Amino acid sequence: MNTQLLQNLLQAGNLPVNNFPVTSRYYRTGTATIDEPNGRKIIYLRRRMVPSPDRFVLLQEYVVREGDRLDNIAATQIGNPEQFWQIADANNAIKPEELTDEIGARLRITQPENLTGF
């Protein structure tokens, strides 16, 4: 499908239009524009509001082991290392890298909120 056609369809349904894939944490984040005095327009991504962890569907828990990294946990538990942000969101992490600092910590592995309802 033509990308522009797809974006037009999304805009018609009032969904945010951006070039992020559906698996991106920014997929449902809209854009805004600043008009500078010199006439230049700056288009930027709006702030992403992280949903409350209780809005996610819990799939399982993972116990942190020595040497774990969040990308590797995402690869084995979700199937994609780039989806580490799902684990960070589900565990209300401001600094995702700290989720693996404590051996024995329990991490929630969930379905991301932005994919529920599809």
Protein backbone atom coordinates (compact mmCIF):
# COMPACT_ATOMS: atom_id res chain seq x y z
CA MET A 1 0.00 0.00 0.00
CA ASN A 2 1.21 3.48 -0.82
CA THR A 3 2.62 5.14 2.34
CA GLN A 4 0.93 8.47 1.64
CA LEU A 5 -2.41 6.73 1.10
CA LEU A 6 -1.99 4.90 4.40
CA GLN A 7 -1.17 8.14 6.23
CA ASN A 8 -4.22 9.82 4.69
CA LEU A 9 -6.41 6.95 5.90
CA LEU A 10 -4.95 7.19 9.40
CA GLN A 11 -5.46 10.95 9.48
CA ALA A 12 -9.08 10.49 8.40
CA GLY A 13 -9.56 8.26 11.46
CA ASN A 14 -7.95 10.88 13.72
CA LEU A 15 -5.04 8.60 14.58
CA PRO A 16 -1.64 10.27 14.92
CA VAL A 17 0.31 10.23 11.68
CA ASN A 18 4.01 9.51 11.85
CA ASN A 19 6.52 7.23 10.20
CA PHE A 20 7.01 4.92 13.17
CA PRO A 21 6.13 1.22 12.77
CA VAL A 22 3.21 -0.18 14.77
CA THR A 23 5.70 -1.86 17.13
CA SER A 24 7.36 1.45 18.04
CA ARG A 25 6.75 3.07 21.40
CA TYR A 26 6.10 6.27 19.46
CA TYR A 27 3.52 4.81 17.05
CA ARG A 28 0.52 6.51 18.68
CA THR A 29 2.39 9.70 19.51
CA GLY A 30 1.24 12.62 17.43
CA THR A 31 3.20 15.51 16.04
CA ALA A 32 2.87 19.24 16.52
CA THR A 33 4.22 22.27 14.69
CA ILE A 34 5.93 25.43 15.83
CA ASP A 35 5.84 28.39 13.47
CA GLU A 36 8.96 30.49 13.90
CA PRO A 37 8.88 34.25 13.30
CA ASN A 38 11.03 33.79 10.17
CA GLY A 39 8.32 31.57 8.63
CA ARG A 40 10.12 28.30 9.22
CA LYS A 41 7.94 25.45 10.50
CA ILE A 42 9.36 22.97 12.96
CA ILE A 43 7.49 19.70 13.21
CA TYR A 44 8.21 17.74 16.37
CA LEU A 45 7.01 14.63 18.13
CA ARG A 46 4.73 15.33 21.07
CA ARG A 47 5.69 14.04 24.49
CA ARG A 48 4.94 10.37 24.93
CA MET A 49 2.92 9.68 28.05
CA VAL A 50 3.76 6.27 29.48
CA PRO A 51 0.61 4.44 30.52
CA SER A 52 0.17 3.11 34.04
CA PRO A 53 1.60 -0.44 34.34
CA ASP A 54 -1.79 -1.72 35.56
CA ARG A 55 -3.18 -1.04 32.07
CA PHE A 56 -1.02 -3.79 30.56
CA VAL A 57 -2.01 -7.43 30.19
CA LEU A 58 0.47 -9.50 32.25
CA LEU A 59 1.81 -12.42 30.22
CA GLN A 60 4.48 -13.65 32.64
CA GLU A 61 7.22 -12.61 35.04
CA TYR A 62 10.92 -12.88 34.42
CA VAL A 63 13.52 -13.23 37.20
CA VAL A 64 16.72 -11.25 36.51
CA ARG A 65 19.90 -13.34 36.40
CA GLU A 66 23.51 -12.25 36.47
CA GLY A 67 24.65 -10.82 33.15
CA ASP A 68 21.12 -10.11 31.91
CA ARG A 69 20.55 -7.17 29.60
CA LEU A 70 17.16 -5.75 28.80
CA ASP A 71 17.59 -6.17 25.04
CA ASN A 72 18.45 -9.84 25.50
CA ILE A 73 15.47 -10.36 27.81
CA ALA A 74 13.23 -8.71 25.22
CA ALA A 75 14.68 -10.95 22.51
CA THR A 76 13.98 -14.15 24.44
CA GLN A 77 10.70 -13.17 26.09
CA ILE A 78 9.08 -11.01 23.39
CA GLY A 79 10.98 -12.12 20.30
CA ASN A 80 12.54 -8.77 19.44
CA PRO A 81 15.40 -7.00 21.25
CA GLU A 82 14.13 -3.62 20.03
CA GLN A 83 10.98 -4.11 22.10
CA PHE A 84 12.89 -3.59 25.37
CA TRP A 85 10.72 -0.52 25.90
CA GLN A 86 7.70 -2.77 26.49
CA ILE A 87 9.44 -4.23 29.54
CA ALA A 88 10.50 -0.77 30.70
CA ASP A 89 6.94 0.55 30.39
CA ALA A 90 5.42 -2.47 32.12
CA ASN A 91 7.81 -2.02 35.05
CA ASN A 92 7.45 1.77 35.28
CA ALA A 93 11.15 2.27 34.62
CA ILE A 94 12.54 5.75 34.12
CA LYS A 95 16.01 4.30 33.45
CA PRO A 96 15.45 0.93 31.71
CA GLU A 97 19.07 -0.15 32.19
CA GLU A 98 18.49 -0.24 35.96
CA LEU A 99 15.89 -3.02 35.63
CA THR A 100 18.68 -5.61 35.42
CA ASP A 101 20.86 -4.19 38.22
CA GLU A 102 19.37 -6.39 40.94
CA ILE A 103 19.79 -10.16 40.57
CA GLY A 104 16.50 -11.85 41.46
CA ALA A 105 14.35 -8.82 40.60
CA ARG A 106 11.04 -9.79 39.02
CA LEU A 107 10.17 -8.09 35.76
CA ARG A 108 6.67 -7.97 34.36
CA ILE A 109 6.47 -9.15 30.76
CA THR A 110 3.26 -7.75 29.32
CA GLN A 111 1.41 -7.01 26.15
CA PRO A 112 2.02 -3.34 25.37
CA GLU A 113 -0.92 -1.03 25.87
CA ASN A 114 -0.61 0.40 22.38
CA LEU A 115 -1.31 -3.02 20.86
CA THR A 116 -4.39 -3.83 22.92
CA GLY A 117 -7.50 -2.88 21.06
CA PHE A 118 -6.26 -3.83 17.61
